[in-house]
Amino acid sequence: MQRRHLIQWGAAALATSSLGAQAQSFPVKPIKLVIAFPAGGPTDITMRVLADNASKILGQPVVVENKPGAGGTLPAQALQGTSADGYTLAQIPLGVFRLPYTTKINWDPVKDISYVLNVTGYAFGVVVPADSPLKTWTHFVAWAKANPGKLSYGSTGTMTSPHLTMELIAQQLGIELLHVPYKGSADLMQSILGGQIMAAADSTGFAPQVEAGKLRVLNTWGAERLAKFPDAPTLKELGLNLVQNSPFGIGAPKGTPDAVVKRLHDAFKQAMEQESYRTALARYDMVPMYMSTAAYKKFAQDTFTREKALVEKLGLAKPT
């Protein structure tokens, strides 16, 4: 019995020593960072700058892979069953914390992800084509009330923050809207510019189109007006008690060694602090929004609880 215990202890010590050695030399090959939205949108553009900065710090390439769809939850799902060695990372949008309440899954968004750090959050708003007869939010609401279920708006996907926030807005105002989901901002912008939908709820990936005179902002969703769109009122100014900024960060597979998580955390935190990343974010009225590993894990736990209440309030929870 004692000999067996000694063998087991020795095997455990050897495994721990091996993990420690791996962590000390990490990384020795390229790292894959899977993001939840298509190429060309604000998430893709800003995360590629962050990945490039981190590559220089880590001494290995951080390669961005786009995996859009399913409300931004595919990267987190891709972590499940992936080797917990730090070489596969994923963007974690808020939609990940709603997933168990709307879809049957066999993993837990809080327990089955190693949270590394939070990096930023989106600024959101509603836009219409520049030539739309819906000149203001008042016009938007009046038209929706007069034409129930006919005012079409696009979002970056079912159960994403833009979709759920618009449904909350509609619920509070007593209006019925027609939701059209897309895989990301790039597809959504093509659709609204092509006249296929009447409005779009999105992060401020629409900024270049607004600045080019092709779209008009009806409102924004932060606590204060955005400097880039000073004439656009916030939801709170319009009488809606809603603020949405949707923080997101980076996660690794469950069981990733603490030393590897720390190495990734330190590198990406340093990458966040570089001017190139701040400049890329500013293009979309985004800012660095740092949370440490511990703070980000606590945020995940709190958000998981809060999102359950939101999904249930909108009547979107899956049948039990």
Protein backbone atom coordinates (compact mmCIF):
# COMPACT_ATOMS: atom_id res chain seq x y z
CA MET A 1 0.00 0.00 0.00
CA GLN A 2 2.76 2.43 0.96
CA ARG A 3 4.68 1.58 -2.21
CA ARG A 4 1.59 2.27 -4.35
CA HIS A 5 1.09 5.64 -2.64
CA LEU A 6 4.72 6.52 -3.27
CA ILE A 7 4.37 5.63 -6.95
CA GLN A 8 1.18 7.73 -7.24
CA TRP A 9 2.84 10.63 -5.45
CA GLY A 10 5.87 10.37 -7.72
CA ALA A 11 3.70 10.35 -10.85
CA ALA A 12 1.78 13.41 -9.63
CA ALA A 13 5.01 15.21 -8.79
CA LEU A 14 6.41 14.37 -12.21
CA ALA A 15 3.28 15.67 -13.92
CA THR A 16 3.39 18.88 -11.87
CA SER A 17 7.08 19.31 -12.66
CA SER A 18 6.37 18.77 -16.37
CA LEU A 19 3.60 21.38 -16.34
CA GLY A 20 5.90 23.79 -14.51
CA ALA A 21 8.63 23.31 -17.10
CA GLN A 22 6.14 23.85 -19.92
CA ALA A 23 4.90 27.04 -18.27
CA GLN A 24 8.43 28.39 -17.85
CA SER A 25 9.25 27.89 -21.52
CA PHE A 26 5.80 28.97 -22.77
CA PRO A 27 5.25 29.75 -25.59
CA VAL A 28 7.39 27.66 -27.93
CA LYS A 29 5.02 27.76 -30.91
CA PRO A 30 2.29 30.04 -32.39
CA ILE A 31 -0.84 30.75 -30.34
CA LYS A 32 -4.30 30.72 -31.91
CA LEU A 33 -6.80 33.39 -30.83
CA VAL A 34 -10.34 32.59 -31.99
CA ILE A 35 -12.69 35.58 -32.24
CA ALA A 36 -16.45 35.54 -32.51
CA PHE A 37 -17.09 37.83 -35.47
CA PRO A 38 -16.10 38.00 -39.17
CA ALA A 39 -13.08 39.70 -40.71
CA GLY A 40 -13.40 43.42 -41.37
CA GLY A 41 -15.56 44.38 -38.39
CA PRO A 42 -14.52 46.33 -35.27
CA THR A 43 -13.83 43.20 -33.20
CA ASP A 44 -11.61 41.68 -35.88
CA ILE A 45 -9.70 44.89 -36.54
CA THR A 46 -9.02 45.75 -32.89
CA MET A 47 -8.23 42.18 -31.83
CA ARG A 48 -5.71 41.81 -34.65
CA VAL A 49 -3.86 44.87 -33.37
CA LEU A 50 -3.91 43.42 -29.84
CA ALA A 51 -2.72 40.03 -31.12
CA ASP A 52 0.13 41.65 -33.06
CA ASN A 53 1.23 43.56 -29.95
CA ALA A 54 1.08 40.40 -27.85
CA SER A 55 3.08 38.45 -30.47
CA LYS A 56 6.03 40.79 -30.03
CA ILE A 57 5.91 40.42 -26.24
CA LEU A 58 5.51 36.62 -26.23
CA GLY A 59 8.07 36.00 -28.96
CA GLN A 60 5.65 33.81 -30.93
CA PRO A 61 2.90 34.70 -33.44
CA VAL A 62 -0.63 35.13 -32.06
CA VAL A 63 -2.75 34.12 -35.04
CA VAL A 64 -6.35 35.37 -35.22
CA GLU A 65 -8.98 32.92 -36.48
CA ASN A 66 -12.52 34.15 -37.19
CA LYS A 67 -15.35 31.84 -36.08
CA PRO A 68 -18.60 33.82 -36.47
CA GLY A 69 -22.14 32.67 -35.83
CA ALA A 70 -24.25 31.27 -32.97
CA GLY A 71 -24.52 34.65 -31.28
CA GLY A 72 -20.76 34.95 -30.75
CA THR A 73 -20.46 31.74 -28.72
CA LEU A 74 -18.49 29.48 -31.12
CA PRO A 75 -14.97 30.42 -29.87
CA ALA A 76 -15.90 29.55 -26.27
CA GLN A 77 -17.42 26.27 -27.44
CA ALA A 78 -14.21 25.56 -29.38
CA LEU A 79 -12.25 25.65 -26.09
CA GLN A 80 -14.14 22.62 -24.82
CA GLY A 81 -12.05 19.51 -25.39
CA THR A 82 -9.05 21.57 -26.55
CA SER A 83 -5.66 20.91 -24.94
CA ALA A 84 -5.22 23.06 -21.83
CA ASP A 85 -1.76 24.24 -22.83
CA GLY A 86 -2.41 27.92 -23.59
CA TYR A 87 -1.99 27.59 -27.35
CA THR A 88 -5.71 28.06 -28.09
CA LEU A 89 -7.44 31.16 -26.77
CA ALA A 90 -10.92 32.57 -27.38
CA GLN A 91 -12.75 35.86 -27.25
CA ILE A 92 -15.57 35.62 -24.69
CA PRO A 93 -18.52 37.92 -25.59
CA LEU A 94 -21.48 38.30 -23.23
CA GLY A 95 -23.56 35.90 -25.31
CA VAL A 96 -21.50 33.04 -23.85
CA PHE A 97 -23.11 33.60 -20.43
CA ARG A 98 -26.63 33.37 -21.90
CA LEU A 99 -26.03 30.15 -23.80
CA PRO A 100 -27.06 27.60 -21.13
CA TYR A 101 -30.40 29.38 -20.66
CA THR A 102 -31.34 29.23 -24.33
CA THR A 103 -29.56 26.11 -25.66
CA LYS A 104 -28.84 22.66 -24.28
CA ILE A 105 -25.07 22.38 -23.74
CA ASN A 106 -22.91 19.99 -21.71
CA TRP A 107 -20.43 22.53 -20.35
CA ASP A 108 -20.52 25.45 -17.91
CA PRO A 109 -19.41 28.94 -19.09
CA VAL A 110 -18.06 29.82 -15.64
CA LYS A 111 -16.43 26.55 -14.57
CA ASP A 112 -15.19 25.26 -17.93
CA ILE A 113 -13.16 28.28 -19.10
CA SER A 114 -9.90 29.62 -17.66
CA TYR A 115 -10.44 33.38 -17.67
CA VAL A 116 -7.28 35.32 -18.61
CA LEU A 117 -8.29 39.00 -18.66
CA ASN A 118 -10.91 41.42 -19.99
CA VAL A 119 -9.68 43.77 -22.69
CA THR A 120 -12.45 46.14 -23.80
CA GLY A 121 -16.18 46.57 -24.38
CA TYR A 122 -18.37 47.79 -27.18
CA ALA A 123 -20.08 51.12 -27.67
CA PHE A 124 -23.51 50.51 -29.24
CA GLY A 125 -26.22 52.43 -31.03
CA VAL A 126 -29.01 52.38 -33.59
CA VAL A 127 -28.46 53.67 -37.12
CA VAL A 128 -30.65 54.18 -40.19
CA PRO A 129 -29.76 55.10 -43.78
CA ALA A 130 -29.06 58.80 -44.22
CA ASP A 131 -32.06 59.13 -46.56
CA SER A 132 -34.45 57.27 -44.24
CA PRO A 133 -37.71 59.06 -43.35
CA LEU A 134 -37.01 57.99 -39.75
CA LYS A 135 -35.06 61.16 -38.96
CA THR A 136 -35.07 60.77 -35.17
CA TRP A 137 -35.76 58.14 -32.51
CA THR A 138 -39.21 59.69 -32.06
CA HIS A 139 -39.96 58.97 -35.73
CA PHE A 140 -38.62 55.42 -35.31
CA VAL A 141 -40.90 54.66 -32.35
CA ALA A 142 -43.96 56.30 -33.96
CA TRP A 143 -43.51 54.30 -37.20
CA ALA A 144 -43.07 51.07 -35.24
CA LYS A 145 -46.26 51.71 -33.27
CA ALA A 146 -48.19 52.44 -36.46
CA ASN A 147 -46.77 49.36 -38.23
CA PRO A 148 -46.46 46.51 -35.69
CA GLY A 149 -43.86 43.91 -36.65
CA LYS A 150 -42.86 45.66 -39.88
CA LEU A 151 -39.93 47.85 -38.82
CA SER A 152 -36.94 45.64 -39.64
CA TYR A 153 -33.67 45.99 -37.81
CA GLY A 154 -30.49 43.94 -38.09
CA SER A 155 -28.10 42.86 -35.36
CA THR A 156 -24.86 40.89 -35.16
CA GLY A 157 -26.77 37.72 -34.29
CA THR A 158 -29.56 36.14 -32.28
CA MET A 159 -29.03 36.46 -28.52
CA THR A 160 -26.18 38.96 -28.89
CA SER A 161 -26.22 42.13 -26.79
CA PRO A 162 -27.59 44.31 -29.66
CA HIS A 163 -30.45 41.84 -30.22
CA LEU A 164 -31.42 41.46 -26.56
CA THR A 165 -31.10 45.17 -25.83
CA MET A 166 -33.37 46.03 -28.76
CA GLU A 167 -35.91 43.50 -27.50
CA LEU A 168 -35.75 45.12 -24.05
CA ILE A 169 -36.27 48.52 -25.66
CA ALA A 170 -39.24 47.22 -27.63
CA GLN A 171 -40.70 45.65 -24.49
CA GLN A 172 -40.39 48.88 -22.51
CA LEU A 173 -41.92 50.95 -25.32
CA GLY A 174 -44.68 48.48 -26.18
CA ILE A 175 -43.61 48.11 -29.81
CA GLU A 176 -43.03 45.06 -32.00
CA LEU A 177 -39.96 44.97 -34.26
CA LEU A 178 -38.78 42.55 -36.95
CA HIS A 179 -35.33 41.19 -36.05
CA VAL A 180 -32.92 40.11 -38.81
CA PRO A 181 -29.71 38.43 -37.50
CA TYR A 182 -26.32 38.61 -39.24
CA LYS A 183 -22.96 36.99 -38.50
CA GLY A 184 -21.18 40.28 -37.79
CA SER A 185 -20.87 44.01 -38.37
CA ALA A 186 -19.42 43.75 -41.89
CA ASP A 187 -22.42 41.74 -43.18
CA LEU A 188 -24.86 43.93 -41.26
CA MET A 189 -23.45 47.14 -42.74
CA GLN A 190 -23.66 45.74 -46.28
CA SER A 191 -27.31 44.89 -45.70
CA ILE A 192 -28.41 48.26 -44.35
CA LEU A 193 -26.49 50.15 -47.02
CA GLY A 194 -28.12 47.89 -49.61
CA GLY A 195 -31.60 48.77 -48.34
CA GLN A 196 -32.45 45.25 -47.15
CA ILE A 197 -33.30 46.41 -43.61
CA MET A 198 -34.59 49.70 -42.19
CA ALA A 199 -32.24 50.02 -39.19
CA ALA A 200 -29.26 48.39 -37.52
CA ALA A 201 -28.38 47.86 -33.86
CA ASP A 202 -24.64 47.40 -33.62
CA SER A 203 -21.40 48.35 -31.98
CA THR A 204 -19.94 51.51 -33.48
CA GLY A 205 -18.46 49.61 -36.39
CA PHE A 206 -20.94 51.83 -38.23
CA ALA A 207 -18.80 54.91 -37.50
CA PRO A 208 -17.03 55.09 -40.91
CA GLN A 209 -20.39 54.88 -42.70
CA VAL A 210 -21.84 57.65 -40.51
CA GLU A 211 -18.80 59.84 -41.11
CA ALA A 212 -19.15 59.21 -44.86
CA GLY A 213 -22.74 60.52 -44.72
CA LYS A 214 -24.34 57.15 -45.55
CA LEU A 215 -25.90 56.40 -42.16
CA ARG A 216 -27.43 58.46 -39.34
CA VAL A 217 -27.23 57.64 -35.61
CA LEU A 218 -30.56 57.73 -33.75
CA ASN A 219 -29.21 56.88 -30.28
CA THR A 220 -26.27 55.39 -28.40
CA TRP A 221 -26.33 53.05 -25.41
CA GLY A 222 -23.62 54.23 -23.04
CA ALA A 223 -23.96 56.12 -19.78
CA GLU A 224 -22.98 59.33 -21.62
CA ARG A 225 -23.07 60.59 -25.21
CA LEU A 226 -20.21 59.50 -27.44
CA ALA A 227 -17.70 62.20 -28.36
CA LYS A 228 -17.80 61.10 -31.99
CA PHE A 229 -21.61 61.45 -32.14
CA PRO A 230 -22.42 64.33 -29.77
CA ASP A 231 -25.87 64.92 -31.29
CA ALA A 232 -27.07 61.36 -30.69
CA PRO A 233 -28.95 60.98 -27.38
CA THR A 234 -28.39 58.09 -25.00
CA LEU A 235 -31.16 55.64 -24.18
CA LYS A 236 -31.36 57.16 -20.70
CA GLU A 237 -31.91 60.61 -22.20
CA LEU A 238 -34.76 59.10 -24.22
CA GLY A 239 -36.45 57.86 -21.07
CA LEU A 240 -35.20 54.26 -21.18
CA ASN A 241 -33.34 53.09 -18.08
CA LEU A 242 -30.77 51.06 -20.04
CA VAL A 243 -26.98 51.19 -20.39
CA GLN A 244 -25.16 48.57 -22.48
CA ASN A 245 -21.40 48.37 -23.08
CA SER A 246 -20.89 44.57 -23.23
CA PRO A 247 -17.35 43.91 -21.92
CA PHE A 248 -15.37 41.07 -23.49
CA GLY A 249 -12.04 39.43 -22.89
CA ILE A 250 -9.92 36.36 -23.49
CA GLY A 251 -10.32 32.84 -22.15
CA ALA A 252 -8.33 29.60 -22.33
CA PRO A 253 -9.38 25.96 -21.89
CA LYS A 254 -10.30 24.75 -18.41
CA GLY A 255 -7.24 23.44 -16.56
CA THR A 256 -4.69 25.68 -18.26
CA PRO A 257 -1.76 25.92 -15.78
CA ASP A 258 -1.81 29.03 -13.60
CA ALA A 259 1.70 29.96 -14.72
CA VAL A 260 0.63 29.88 -18.38
CA VAL A 261 -2.49 31.95 -17.63
CA LYS A 262 -0.28 34.48 -15.83
CA ARG A 263 2.15 34.63 -18.76
CA LEU A 264 -0.75 35.25 -21.15
CA HIS A 265 -2.35 37.77 -18.80
CA ASP A 266 0.86 39.78 -18.42
CA ALA A 267 1.55 39.78 -22.17
CA PHE A 268 -1.95 40.82 -23.20
CA LYS A 269 -2.15 43.46 -20.46
CA GLN A 270 1.07 44.98 -21.77
CA ALA A 271 -0.31 44.71 -25.32
CA MET A 272 -3.46 46.59 -24.22
CA GLU A 273 -1.37 49.48 -22.91
CA GLN A 274 0.29 50.21 -26.25
CA GLU A 275 -0.81 53.25 -28.23
CA SER A 276 -1.56 51.23 -31.38
CA TYR A 277 -4.31 49.33 -29.55
CA ARG A 278 -5.80 52.45 -27.99
CA THR A 279 -5.86 54.11 -31.42
CA ALA A 280 -7.57 51.11 -33.01
CA LEU A 281 -10.23 51.08 -30.27
CA ALA A 282 -10.80 54.83 -30.52
CA ARG A 283 -11.81 54.40 -34.15
CA TYR A 284 -14.95 52.68 -32.82
CA ASP A 285 -15.41 54.71 -29.62
CA MET A 286 -14.08 51.78 -27.58
CA VAL A 287 -11.56 52.05 -24.74
CA PRO A 288 -9.32 49.58 -22.89
CA MET A 289 -11.40 47.96 -20.14
CA TYR A 290 -8.95 45.91 -18.09
CA MET A 291 -9.98 43.22 -15.60
CA SER A 292 -7.39 40.98 -13.97
CA THR A 293 -7.70 37.19 -14.08
CA ALA A 294 -9.44 37.12 -10.68
CA ALA A 295 -11.69 40.10 -11.47
CA TYR A 296 -12.64 38.65 -14.85
CA LYS A 297 -13.58 35.30 -13.27
CA LYS A 298 -15.78 37.17 -10.75
CA PHE A 299 -17.32 39.17 -13.62
CA ALA A 300 -18.12 35.89 -15.40
CA GLN A 301 -19.87 34.51 -12.30
CA ASP A 302 -21.90 37.70 -11.74
CA THR A 303 -22.81 38.05 -15.42
CA PHE A 304 -23.93 34.42 -15.66
CA THR A 305 -26.45 35.10 -12.88
CA ARG A 306 -27.60 38.44 -14.30
CA GLU A 307 -28.09 37.18 -17.85
CA LYS A 308 -30.45 34.47 -16.60
CA ALA A 309 -32.81 37.17 -15.34
CA LEU A 310 -32.60 39.04 -18.67
CA VAL A 311 -33.34 35.97 -20.80
CA GLU A 312 -36.26 35.01 -18.58
CA LYS A 313 -37.65 38.54 -18.65
CA LEU A 314 -37.71 38.46 -22.44
CA GLY A 315 -39.33 35.02 -22.47
CA LEU A 316 -36.42 33.51 -24.42
CA ALA A 317 -35.34 30.80 -21.97
CA LYS A 318 -35.39 27.25 -23.29
CA PRO A 319 -38.16 24.97 -21.99
CA THR A 320 -37.11 23.00 -18.91
